[in-house]
Protein backbone atom coordinates (compact mmCIF):
# COMPACT_ATOMS: atom_id res chain seq x y z
CA MET A 1 0.17 0.00 0.06
CA ASN A 2 2.86 2.15 0.78
CA SER A 3 3.97 2.21 -3.23
CA LEU A 4 0.38 3.40 -4.28
CA GLN A 5 0.41 6.35 -1.27
CA SER A 6 3.89 7.16 -3.04
CA LEU A 7 2.60 7.40 -6.29
CA ILE A 8 -0.39 9.15 -5.35
CA GLU A 9 1.70 11.82 -3.65
CA LEU A 10 4.18 11.93 -6.23
CA GLY A 11 6.84 13.25 -4.15
CA GLY A 12 4.75 15.96 -2.79
CA TYR A 13 3.53 17.02 -5.96
CA GLY A 14 0.61 15.05 -6.63
CA ARG A 15 -1.63 17.78 -5.62
CA TYR A 16 -0.74 19.52 -9.02
CA VAL A 17 -0.11 16.90 -11.12
CA TRP A 18 -3.11 14.63 -10.68
CA PRO A 19 -5.68 17.61 -11.62
CA ALA A 20 -3.48 18.43 -14.36
CA TYR A 21 -3.80 14.96 -15.46
CA GLY A 22 -7.94 15.04 -14.90
CA LEU A 23 -8.51 18.29 -16.53
CA SER A 24 -6.52 16.89 -19.71
CA LEU A 25 -8.31 13.65 -19.79
CA ALA A 26 -11.80 15.79 -19.31
CA LEU A 27 -10.79 18.04 -22.40
CA MET A 28 -9.98 15.15 -24.58
CA LEU A 29 -13.30 13.56 -24.02
CA VAL A 30 -15.19 16.60 -24.50
CA GLU A 31 -13.43 17.49 -27.56
CA PRO A 32 -14.99 14.99 -29.83
CA TRP A 33 -18.27 15.87 -28.70
CA LEU A 34 -17.90 19.28 -29.61
CA LEU A 35 -16.32 18.50 -33.06
CA ARG A 36 -19.24 16.14 -33.93
CA ARG A 37 -21.72 18.64 -32.76
CA ARG A 38 -20.16 21.76 -34.60
CA LEU A 39 -19.93 19.09 -38.07
CA ALA A 40 -23.64 18.20 -37.34
CA ARG A 41 -24.96 21.95 -37.19
CA ALA A 42 -22.52 22.58 -40.51
CA LEU A 43 -24.15 20.18 -42.50
CA ALA A 44 -27.74 20.47 -41.15
CA PRO A 45 -30.03 22.18 -43.65
CA ARG A 46 -30.65 25.86 -42.72
CA GLN A 47 -34.11 26.24 -41.40
CA ASP A 48 -34.05 30.01 -41.65
CA GLY A 49 -34.38 30.20 -45.26
CA GLU A 50 -30.87 31.64 -45.81
CA GLY A 51 -28.82 30.67 -48.89
CA GLU A 52 -31.73 30.27 -51.10
CA ALA A 53 -31.76 32.08 -54.36
């Protein structure tokens, strides 16, 4: 169990490292969702009549 605790603490820097990893993971998971949403909006037919001749 001591090795797990030392891994979590990371020599005193764990409080900075783990939130950074968590934020990076969250952003990497959200980015594809945002890109799919943006692509769907770009490919969707316009409902306001813009672009018609």
